[in-house]
Amino acid sequence: MDQMKKLGFIDIVSLSFAAVFSLELIASQASMGPSLIFCFIVLGATFFLSHGLICAELGATYPDQGGIYVWIKRAFGDRWAARTTWWYWINVAGFVPYTLVVMGSALQLLFFPDLSVWEMVLFCVICTWIVVGFNCIDLKNSKWLSTISTVCKLVACLALIAGAIYVLITKGSQTIFSWSTIIPTFDLSFLALVPVYVYALTGYDLISVSAGEMKNPSRDVPKAVFSSGITTIILYIISAVAMLIIMPAAEIDPDSGLFEAFGKIFGNVSVTIVGLISFVALLGYIFSWSLAGNKATLEAGLEGELPKIFAKTNRAYAPVGPAILLGLSSTALLLFYGFISTSNASLFWTLLSFTSIIFFLPYIVLSFAYIKLRKMDPDINRPFKIPGKPWVGTMFALIQFIFFAFSAVFFLIPPEGENPISYILFLIIGVLAAVICGEIIIDRQLKKKSAHK
């Protein structure tokens, strides 16, 4: 078993940071204006604190391979464990093609304007299977993708900050920072942004799916959660502020704003360099999420709660079966995009929007699993524990639940320009289809498991 212990503290931090911090989100945060400072500070003190504390305590107390799967299984049993793991994996299956098409579209716009739709689809399919390949090799080798991704993100952010300092000294800030611009208007539009920030700060449970491969998870998981989490919040704020110093919020495109900011400071050559850095960073980002989803479903497959294909592994204990299924589903969705992109591209984005709701469902269950585990195991050794009386931990779990439930509901609000009825129908149908499909699969597997006992 010792040969499985492949992850030290730096590896864990890199996996966590690569999974949560996204270069692509800097421009979208900056486009919201100086109010992002207030939003990140408030959400950091409420949502991240709750989510981080819960993930740190559970990861340290139950350092078993599988993370969220293990926690929910212990709290609520096989069916709920399989159910939430299915949601976890389905979200990743939609997240991979969605993210790759966004990145591919940005690269097409900036570098390859003559790239055809099918050439971009081919590019995205190749990237998908590169990520699948990294999922199928020994973690002691594949972890370097997360490390390189983390380094790329830090280099890009530091360069952006340096450029902003230069602009501030030579030209002055292109955005006015004052209390009136930093404090947002508390209206419906502000509430609609909360899920975006929650989405950007979620995922500190991911590192625990590989707890069985960590050298000292009880010690390292809490440290990794808070070091990567605080770094993420600070970098998001400083990087977005840097972009606002370089460009006014009204001129920042949420998709290509980062490249345009570098072009303004360092010239066109820098755009190519940042494009390559962003590409590597994105692969690390996708790898971290796909690895978490695949490893969680691997555990459910090995326990007979999901079909046998999910239990396929190799000598390195890599999640081969789930990874190949993920690659096939992502490829199918990308081919679907290729066929409809010229006539109804919005259908692809609407179709995959349901994964934004699916994304929050496992974490809603996790909130109540934490409360249940606190009551079930009052005397278990907790190397890290939320300080204070038991009600303090319950309070943080309820805060986390409120944020996730609120975010799931608010993602039902259609974006500007979308037909509200068709948008909501697609989302509801997508969520119901994913949930019902999972229930049928899980029910069949649990009956098989019960019959073999």
Protein backbone atom coordinates (compact mmCIF):
# COMPACT_ATOMS: atom_id res chain seq x y z
CA MET A 1 0.00 0.00 0.00
CA ASP A 2 2.95 2.33 0.60
CA GLN A 3 3.68 2.47 -3.12
CA MET A 4 0.34 4.27 -3.53
CA LYS A 5 1.54 7.18 -1.38
CA LYS A 6 2.50 9.49 -4.23
CA LEU A 7 1.23 12.92 -3.19
CA GLY A 8 3.10 15.28 -0.89
CA PHE A 9 1.87 18.63 0.37
CA ILE A 10 3.02 20.63 -2.71
CA ASP A 11 1.31 18.12 -5.02
CA ILE A 12 -1.94 18.44 -3.09
CA VAL A 13 -1.82 22.24 -3.16
CA SER A 14 -1.16 22.17 -6.90
CA LEU A 15 -4.10 19.82 -7.54
CA SER A 16 -6.39 22.03 -5.45
CA PHE A 17 -5.25 25.34 -6.95
CA ALA A 18 -5.31 23.97 -10.51
CA ALA A 19 -8.89 22.78 -9.98
CA VAL A 20 -10.31 26.00 -8.53
CA PHE A 21 -8.36 28.93 -9.95
CA SER A 22 -9.10 29.62 -13.62
CA LEU A 23 -7.30 32.20 -15.78
CA GLU A 24 -10.39 32.35 -17.99
CA LEU A 25 -12.50 33.68 -15.10
CA ILE A 26 -10.28 36.72 -14.46
CA ALA A 27 -11.70 38.67 -17.40
CA SER A 28 -15.29 37.76 -16.57
CA GLN A 29 -14.75 38.92 -12.97
CA ALA A 30 -13.06 42.14 -14.12
CA SER A 31 -15.90 42.90 -16.55
CA MET A 32 -18.16 43.28 -13.50
CA GLY A 33 -16.16 46.30 -12.38
CA PRO A 34 -14.58 47.24 -9.02
CA SER A 35 -17.49 45.68 -7.09
CA LEU A 36 -15.72 42.33 -7.54
CA ILE A 37 -13.45 43.36 -4.63
CA PHE A 38 -16.41 43.57 -2.25
CA CYS A 39 -17.97 40.38 -3.60
CA PHE A 40 -14.83 38.27 -3.21
CA ILE A 41 -14.10 39.59 0.30
CA VAL A 42 -17.66 38.97 1.51
CA LEU A 43 -17.94 35.56 -0.14
CA GLY A 44 -14.47 34.66 1.09
CA ALA A 45 -15.55 35.43 4.66
CA THR A 46 -18.82 33.51 4.34
CA PHE A 47 -19.02 30.92 1.57
CA PHE A 48 -15.35 29.95 1.23
CA LEU A 49 -14.87 29.84 5.00
CA SER A 50 -17.84 27.47 5.32
CA HIS A 51 -16.95 25.31 2.31
CA GLY A 52 -13.24 25.25 3.16
CA LEU A 53 -13.72 24.38 6.83
CA ILE A 54 -16.10 21.54 6.01
CA CYS A 55 -13.84 20.06 3.31
CA ALA A 56 -10.80 20.41 5.57
CA GLU A 57 -12.47 18.66 8.53
CA LEU A 58 -13.96 15.83 6.49
CA GLY A 59 -10.76 15.32 4.49
CA ALA A 60 -8.66 15.12 7.65
CA THR A 61 -11.11 12.95 9.61
CA TYR A 62 -11.95 10.45 6.86
CA PRO A 63 -8.73 10.21 4.79
CA ASP A 64 -10.01 7.45 2.53
CA GLN A 65 -9.77 7.14 -1.25
CA GLY A 66 -12.93 8.57 -2.80
CA GLY A 67 -13.46 11.81 -0.90
CA ILE A 68 -17.05 12.99 -1.16
CA TYR A 69 -18.17 9.46 -2.12
CA VAL A 70 -16.79 8.07 1.15
CA TRP A 71 -18.23 10.87 3.27
CA ILE A 72 -21.76 10.58 1.91
CA LYS A 73 -21.65 6.78 1.97
CA ARG A 74 -20.75 6.82 5.65
CA ALA A 75 -23.49 9.32 6.42
CA PHE A 76 -26.38 8.15 4.23
CA GLY A 77 -25.48 4.74 2.78
CA ASP A 78 -24.86 3.17 -0.62
CA ARG A 79 -27.72 4.70 -2.62
CA TRP A 80 -27.02 8.32 -1.72
CA ALA A 81 -23.28 7.77 -2.21
CA ALA A 82 -23.83 6.35 -5.70
CA ARG A 83 -26.41 9.02 -6.52
CA THR A 84 -24.21 11.99 -5.63
CA THR A 85 -21.19 10.39 -7.29
CA TRP A 86 -23.22 10.00 -10.49
CA TRP A 87 -24.16 13.70 -10.36
CA TYR A 88 -20.51 14.53 -9.75
CA TRP A 89 -19.42 12.58 -12.82
CA ILE A 90 -22.25 13.81 -15.10
CA ASN A 91 -21.29 17.39 -14.29
CA VAL A 92 -17.69 16.70 -15.36
CA ALA A 93 -18.90 14.95 -18.53
CA GLY A 94 -20.59 18.21 -19.58
CA PHE A 95 -17.91 20.48 -18.13
CA VAL A 96 -15.11 19.08 -20.30
CA PRO A 97 -16.59 19.80 -23.78
CA TYR A 98 -18.16 23.05 -22.58
CA THR A 99 -14.82 24.39 -21.31
CA LEU A 100 -12.86 23.18 -24.34
CA VAL A 101 -15.26 24.84 -26.80
CA VAL A 102 -15.02 28.13 -24.88
CA MET A 103 -11.22 27.96 -24.96
CA GLY A 104 -11.18 26.80 -28.59
CA SER A 105 -13.45 29.68 -29.61
CA ALA A 106 -11.16 32.20 -27.91
CA LEU A 107 -8.08 30.75 -29.59
CA GLN A 108 -9.90 30.72 -32.93
CA LEU A 109 -10.89 34.36 -32.54
CA LEU A 110 -7.38 35.49 -31.58
CA PHE A 111 -5.02 33.29 -33.56
CA PHE A 112 -6.85 31.22 -36.17
CA PRO A 113 -9.73 33.27 -37.62
CA ASP A 114 -9.91 30.97 -40.65
CA LEU A 115 -10.20 27.82 -38.54
CA SER A 116 -13.31 25.90 -39.55
CA VAL A 117 -15.82 24.59 -37.05
CA TRP A 118 -14.77 21.00 -37.64
CA GLU A 119 -11.09 21.84 -37.25
CA MET A 120 -11.91 23.38 -33.88
CA VAL A 121 -13.97 20.33 -32.95
CA LEU A 122 -10.99 18.12 -33.86
CA PHE A 123 -8.75 20.29 -31.67
CA CYS A 124 -11.18 19.92 -28.73
CA VAL A 125 -11.50 16.16 -29.23
CA ILE A 126 -7.70 15.78 -29.21
CA CYS A 127 -7.52 17.82 -25.99
CA THR A 128 -10.24 15.62 -24.47
CA TRP A 129 -8.26 12.46 -25.09
CA ILE A 130 -5.04 14.05 -23.85
CA VAL A 131 -6.84 14.64 -20.55
CA VAL A 132 -8.22 11.08 -20.64
CA GLY A 133 -4.67 9.81 -21.17
CA PHE A 134 -3.43 11.69 -18.11
CA ASN A 135 -6.29 10.16 -16.09
CA CYS A 136 -5.16 6.68 -17.13
CA ILE A 137 -1.52 6.88 -16.01
CA ASP A 138 0.10 6.71 -12.62
CA LEU A 139 -0.72 9.77 -10.51
CA LYS A 140 2.94 10.21 -9.60
CA ASN A 141 3.47 11.06 -13.30
CA SER A 142 0.18 12.77 -14.18
CA LYS A 143 0.34 15.10 -11.16
CA TRP A 144 2.97 17.14 -13.01
CA LEU A 145 0.24 18.48 -15.31
CA SER A 146 -1.40 20.13 -12.30
CA THR A 147 1.96 21.46 -11.09
CA ILE A 148 2.81 22.94 -14.50
CA SER A 149 -0.72 24.34 -14.77
CA THR A 150 -0.33 26.04 -11.38
CA VAL A 151 3.03 27.55 -12.37
CA CYS A 152 1.54 28.83 -15.66
CA LYS A 153 -1.32 30.51 -13.83
CA LEU A 154 0.99 32.17 -11.31
CA VAL A 155 3.34 33.42 -14.07
CA ALA A 156 0.46 34.86 -16.09
CA CYS A 157 -1.00 36.60 -13.02
CA LEU A 158 2.33 38.05 -11.96
CA ALA A 159 2.96 39.35 -15.50
CA LEU A 160 -0.52 40.92 -15.55
CA ILE A 161 0.07 42.57 -12.18
CA ALA A 162 3.48 43.89 -13.33
CA GLY A 163 1.85 45.32 -16.45
CA ALA A 164 -0.84 47.00 -14.36
CA ILE A 165 1.80 48.63 -12.15
CA TYR A 166 3.49 49.99 -15.28
CA VAL A 167 0.20 51.39 -16.60
CA LEU A 168 -0.61 52.88 -13.19
CA ILE A 169 2.74 54.69 -13.08
CA THR A 170 2.80 55.88 -16.70
CA LYS A 171 -0.87 56.50 -17.56
CA GLY A 172 -2.88 56.10 -14.40
CA SER A 173 -5.70 53.69 -13.74
CA GLN A 174 -8.26 53.28 -16.52
CA THR A 175 -10.93 52.55 -13.90
CA ILE A 176 -12.06 54.67 -10.98
CA PHE A 177 -11.82 52.87 -7.65
CA SER A 178 -13.94 54.46 -4.93
CA TRP A 179 -16.41 53.37 -2.30
CA SER A 180 -19.25 54.11 -4.71
CA THR A 181 -17.80 51.76 -7.36
CA ILE A 182 -16.52 49.05 -4.98
CA ILE A 183 -19.79 48.66 -3.04
CA PRO A 184 -22.28 47.00 -5.42
CA THR A 185 -25.93 47.88 -5.84
CA PHE A 186 -27.87 45.26 -3.91
CA ASP A 187 -30.51 44.38 -6.47
CA LEU A 188 -31.56 41.38 -8.54
CA SER A 189 -28.54 41.72 -10.84
CA PHE A 190 -26.24 41.51 -7.83
CA LEU A 191 -27.97 38.37 -6.56
CA ALA A 192 -27.66 36.83 -10.02
CA LEU A 193 -23.86 37.17 -9.75
CA VAL A 194 -23.61 35.24 -6.47
CA PRO A 195 -23.72 31.80 -8.20
CA VAL A 196 -20.88 32.90 -10.49
CA TYR A 197 -18.65 33.66 -7.50
CA VAL A 198 -19.75 30.49 -5.69
CA TYR A 199 -18.88 28.47 -8.81
CA ALA A 200 -15.44 30.13 -8.87
CA LEU A 201 -14.68 29.19 -5.25
CA THR A 202 -16.04 25.62 -5.16
CA GLY A 203 -14.04 22.40 -5.38
CA TYR A 204 -11.88 22.06 -2.26
CA ASP A 205 -13.23 18.54 -1.80
CA LEU A 206 -11.53 17.44 -5.03
CA ILE A 207 -8.16 16.74 -3.47
CA SER A 208 -9.67 14.22 -1.04
CA VAL A 209 -10.76 11.82 -3.80
CA SER A 210 -7.06 10.89 -3.99
CA ALA A 211 -6.59 10.73 -0.20
CA GLY A 212 -5.47 7.10 -0.40
CA GLU A 213 -2.51 8.22 -2.50
CA MET A 214 -1.42 11.00 -0.12
CA LYS A 215 1.50 10.62 2.25
CA ASN A 216 -0.26 12.34 5.15
CA PRO A 217 -3.82 13.41 4.23
CA SER A 218 -4.96 14.13 7.80
CA ARG A 219 -2.25 16.74 8.12
CA ASP A 220 -1.92 17.99 4.54
CA VAL A 221 -5.55 18.29 3.36
CA PRO A 222 -6.56 21.11 5.77
CA LYS A 223 -3.32 22.99 5.07
CA ALA A 224 -3.79 22.58 1.31
CA VAL A 225 -7.43 23.70 1.40
CA PHE A 226 -6.68 26.97 3.16
CA SER A 227 -3.37 27.78 1.47
CA SER A 228 -4.81 27.22 -2.02
CA GLY A 229 -8.16 28.82 -1.12
CA ILE A 230 -6.72 32.04 0.30
CA THR A 231 -4.26 32.25 -2.61
CA THR A 232 -7.14 31.81 -5.06
CA ILE A 233 -9.21 34.62 -3.54
CA ILE A 234 -6.28 37.03 -3.33
CA LEU A 235 -5.14 36.26 -6.89
CA TYR A 236 -8.65 36.65 -8.31
CA ILE A 237 -8.98 40.06 -6.67
CA ILE A 238 -5.51 41.38 -7.53
CA SER A 239 -5.53 40.02 -11.10
CA ALA A 240 -9.00 41.39 -11.87
CA VAL A 241 -8.07 44.76 -10.35
CA ALA A 242 -4.91 44.72 -12.49
CA MET A 243 -7.03 44.21 -15.58
CA LEU A 244 -9.30 47.09 -14.55
CA ILE A 245 -6.24 49.31 -14.20
CA ILE A 246 -5.23 48.39 -17.76
CA MET A 247 -8.71 48.60 -19.33
CA PRO A 248 -12.10 50.07 -18.38
CA ALA A 249 -14.68 47.46 -17.34
CA ALA A 250 -16.90 48.35 -20.31
CA GLU A 251 -14.14 47.33 -22.76
CA ILE A 252 -13.34 43.97 -21.16
CA ASP A 253 -14.65 40.98 -23.06
CA PRO A 254 -15.34 38.11 -20.63
CA ASP A 255 -13.88 35.57 -23.08
CA SER A 256 -10.89 37.32 -24.66
CA GLY A 257 -10.25 40.16 -22.18
CA LEU A 258 -7.14 38.55 -20.69
CA PHE A 259 -5.45 38.29 -24.09
CA GLU A 260 -6.43 41.85 -25.01
CA ALA A 261 -4.99 43.19 -21.74
CA PHE A 262 -1.64 41.52 -22.43
CA GLY A 263 -1.69 42.81 -26.00
CA LYS A 264 -2.13 46.38 -24.77
CA ILE A 265 0.85 46.13 -22.43
CA PHE A 266 3.34 43.77 -24.02
CA GLY A 267 2.36 43.69 -27.69
CA ASN A 268 1.03 40.98 -30.00
CA VAL A 269 3.84 38.49 -29.29
CA SER A 270 2.75 38.32 -25.66
CA VAL A 271 -0.75 37.34 -26.74
CA THR A 272 0.63 34.19 -28.38
CA ILE A 273 2.64 33.36 -25.26
CA VAL A 274 -0.34 33.94 -22.97
CA GLY A 275 -2.47 31.84 -25.31
CA LEU A 276 -0.06 28.90 -24.91
CA ILE A 277 0.12 29.44 -21.13
CA SER A 278 -3.68 29.56 -20.92
CA PHE A 279 -3.96 26.36 -22.95
CA VAL A 280 -1.63 24.45 -20.58
CA ALA A 281 -3.38 25.98 -17.56
CA LEU A 282 -6.74 24.93 -18.97
CA LEU A 283 -5.61 21.33 -19.47
CA GLY A 284 -4.54 21.23 -15.82
CA TYR A 285 -7.88 22.73 -14.79
CA ILE A 286 -9.85 20.12 -16.74
CA PHE A 287 -7.54 17.31 -15.59
CA SER A 288 -8.10 18.11 -11.90
CA TRP A 289 -11.90 18.09 -12.22
CA SER A 290 -12.01 15.02 -14.46
CA LEU A 291 -9.65 13.12 -12.14
CA ALA A 292 -11.90 13.88 -9.16
CA GLY A 293 -15.06 12.79 -10.97
CA ASN A 294 -13.43 9.65 -12.35
CA LYS A 295 -11.83 8.59 -9.07
CA ALA A 296 -15.09 9.06 -7.15
CA THR A 297 -17.04 6.95 -9.66
CA LEU A 298 -14.23 4.37 -9.66
CA GLU A 299 -14.89 3.78 -5.95
CA ALA A 300 -18.64 3.47 -6.57
CA GLY A 301 -17.93 1.03 -9.42
CA LEU A 302 -15.63 -1.09 -7.26
CA GLU A 303 -18.36 -1.27 -4.62
CA GLY A 304 -20.87 -2.48 -7.23
CA GLU A 305 -23.05 0.65 -7.00
CA LEU A 306 -22.32 1.71 -10.58
CA PRO A 307 -21.83 -0.52 -13.68
CA LYS A 308 -18.63 -2.60 -13.96
CA ILE A 309 -17.14 -0.29 -16.60
CA PHE A 310 -16.73 2.32 -13.86
CA ALA A 311 -14.64 -0.17 -11.87
CA LYS A 312 -12.02 -0.68 -14.59
CA THR A 313 -8.59 0.29 -13.32
CA ASN A 314 -4.94 -0.66 -13.84
CA ARG A 315 -1.89 -1.45 -11.75
CA ALA A 316 -1.45 2.23 -10.97
CA TYR A 317 -5.05 2.34 -9.62
CA ALA A 318 -5.95 4.89 -12.30
CA PRO A 319 -9.69 5.28 -13.14
CA VAL A 320 -9.41 3.85 -16.67
CA GLY A 321 -13.07 2.87 -17.12
CA PRO A 322 -14.61 6.19 -16.00
CA ALA A 323 -11.98 8.14 -17.96
CA ILE A 324 -12.74 6.34 -21.23
CA LEU A 325 -16.49 6.82 -20.71
CA LEU A 326 -15.82 10.50 -20.05
CA GLY A 327 -13.80 10.74 -23.26
CA LEU A 328 -16.53 9.07 -25.30
CA SER A 329 -19.32 11.27 -23.89
CA SER A 330 -17.25 14.43 -24.36
CA THR A 331 -16.42 13.43 -27.94
CA ALA A 332 -20.10 12.79 -28.67
CA LEU A 333 -21.07 16.22 -27.34
CA LEU A 334 -18.31 17.89 -29.36
CA LEU A 335 -19.46 16.16 -32.54
CA PHE A 336 -22.99 17.30 -31.75
CA TYR A 337 -21.64 20.86 -31.45
CA GLY A 338 -19.96 20.50 -34.84
CA PHE A 339 -23.23 19.54 -36.51
CA ILE A 340 -25.35 22.34 -35.01
CA SER A 341 -22.87 25.20 -34.53
CA THR A 342 -23.63 26.95 -37.82
CA SER A 343 -27.42 26.72 -37.46
CA ASN A 344 -28.16 26.75 -33.72
CA ALA A 345 -25.01 27.07 -31.64
CA SER A 346 -27.03 28.39 -28.69
CA LEU A 347 -28.62 24.94 -28.36
CA PHE A 348 -25.24 23.50 -27.36
CA TRP A 349 -24.72 26.08 -24.61
CA THR A 350 -28.29 25.76 -23.37
CA LEU A 351 -28.08 21.98 -23.45
CA LEU A 352 -24.97 21.98 -21.27
CA SER A 353 -26.22 24.70 -18.93
CA PHE A 354 -28.03 22.03 -16.92
CA THR A 355 -24.63 20.83 -15.67
CA SER A 356 -24.34 24.12 -13.75
CA ILE A 357 -27.30 22.98 -11.65
CA ILE A 358 -26.09 19.36 -11.42
CA PHE A 359 -22.74 20.78 -10.23
CA PHE A 360 -24.29 22.07 -6.98
CA LEU A 361 -26.39 19.01 -6.08
CA PRO A 362 -23.60 16.84 -4.53
CA TYR A 363 -22.54 19.78 -2.37
CA ILE A 364 -26.09 20.31 -1.11
CA VAL A 365 -26.08 16.67 0.05
CA LEU A 366 -22.58 17.14 1.48
CA SER A 367 -23.84 19.91 3.78
CA PHE A 368 -26.26 17.51 5.49
CA ALA A 369 -23.75 14.63 5.42
CA TYR A 370 -21.37 16.78 7.46
CA ILE A 371 -24.06 17.43 10.08
CA LYS A 372 -24.95 13.72 10.19
CA LEU A 373 -21.30 12.62 10.52
CA ARG A 374 -20.76 15.04 13.40
CA LYS A 375 -23.65 13.32 15.23
CA MET A 376 -22.72 9.76 14.16
CA ASP A 377 -19.05 9.96 15.12
CA PRO A 378 -18.81 12.31 18.10
CA ASP A 379 -15.76 10.54 19.51
CA ILE A 380 -13.78 9.93 16.30
CA ASN A 381 -10.32 11.49 16.13
CA ARG A 382 -10.55 14.72 14.15
CA PRO A 383 -7.01 15.96 13.33
CA PHE A 384 -8.68 19.16 12.14
CA LYS A 385 -12.01 20.32 13.52
CA ILE A 386 -14.11 23.44 13.08
CA PRO A 387 -13.49 25.22 16.38
CA GLY A 388 -16.24 25.95 18.87
CA LYS A 389 -19.32 24.11 20.07
CA PRO A 390 -21.12 21.62 17.78
CA TRP A 391 -23.66 24.24 16.71
CA VAL A 392 -20.85 26.24 15.07
CA GLY A 393 -20.15 23.39 12.64
CA THR A 394 -23.88 23.04 11.95
CA MET A 395 -24.09 26.76 11.26
CA PHE A 396 -21.28 26.58 8.69
CA ALA A 397 -22.95 23.56 7.03
CA LEU A 398 -26.23 25.48 6.76
CA ILE A 399 -24.44 28.53 5.33
CA GLN A 400 -22.84 26.28 2.70
CA PHE A 401 -26.24 24.69 1.95
CA ILE A 402 -27.91 28.11 1.51
CA PHE A 403 -25.24 29.26 -0.94
CA PHE A 404 -25.43 26.08 -3.03
CA ALA A 405 -29.24 25.86 -3.02
CA PHE A 406 -29.53 29.56 -3.90
CA SER A 407 -26.98 29.17 -6.71
CA ALA A 408 -28.71 26.13 -8.19
CA VAL A 409 -32.04 28.00 -8.33
CA PHE A 410 -30.52 31.19 -9.74
CA PHE A 411 -28.88 29.33 -12.61
CA LEU A 412 -32.42 28.82 -13.88
CA ILE A 413 -32.60 32.53 -14.70
CA PRO A 414 -32.10 32.76 -18.50
CA PRO A 415 -29.22 34.92 -19.82
CA GLU A 416 -30.07 38.07 -21.73
CA GLY A 417 -31.35 37.25 -25.21
CA GLU A 418 -32.43 33.70 -24.37
CA ASN A 419 -36.06 32.63 -24.69
CA PRO A 420 -37.05 32.15 -21.01
CA ILE A 421 -39.48 29.30 -21.59
CA SER A 422 -37.24 27.18 -23.84
CA TYR A 423 -34.17 27.89 -21.68
CA ILE A 424 -35.86 26.79 -18.44
CA LEU A 425 -37.44 23.78 -20.14
CA PHE A 426 -34.07 22.62 -21.48
CA LEU A 427 -32.51 22.97 -18.04
CA ILE A 428 -35.30 21.13 -16.25
CA ILE A 429 -35.42 18.37 -18.89
CA GLY A 430 -31.62 18.04 -18.78
CA VAL A 431 -31.51 17.79 -14.98
CA LEU A 432 -34.43 15.34 -14.85
CA ALA A 433 -32.93 13.18 -17.61
CA ALA A 434 -29.56 13.00 -15.83
CA VAL A 435 -31.15 12.25 -12.46
CA ILE A 436 -33.61 9.63 -13.78
CA CYS A 437 -30.93 7.90 -15.85
CA GLY A 438 -28.75 7.71 -12.75
CA GLU A 439 -31.58 6.36 -10.61
CA ILE A 440 -32.29 3.56 -13.10
CA ILE A 441 -28.61 2.57 -13.32
CA ILE A 442 -28.07 2.73 -9.55
CA ASP A 443 -31.26 0.82 -8.71
CA ARG A 444 -30.28 -1.97 -11.09
CA GLN A 445 -26.74 -2.15 -9.69
CA LEU A 446 -27.86 -2.17 -6.04
CA LYS A 447 -30.28 -5.01 -6.79
CA LYS A 448 -27.41 -6.97 -8.35
CA LYS A 449 -25.22 -6.18 -5.35
CA SER A 450 -27.91 -7.31 -2.95
CA ALA A 451 -28.51 -10.55 -4.88
CA HIS A 452 -24.81 -11.47 -4.64
CA LYS A 453 -24.63 -11.09 -0.89
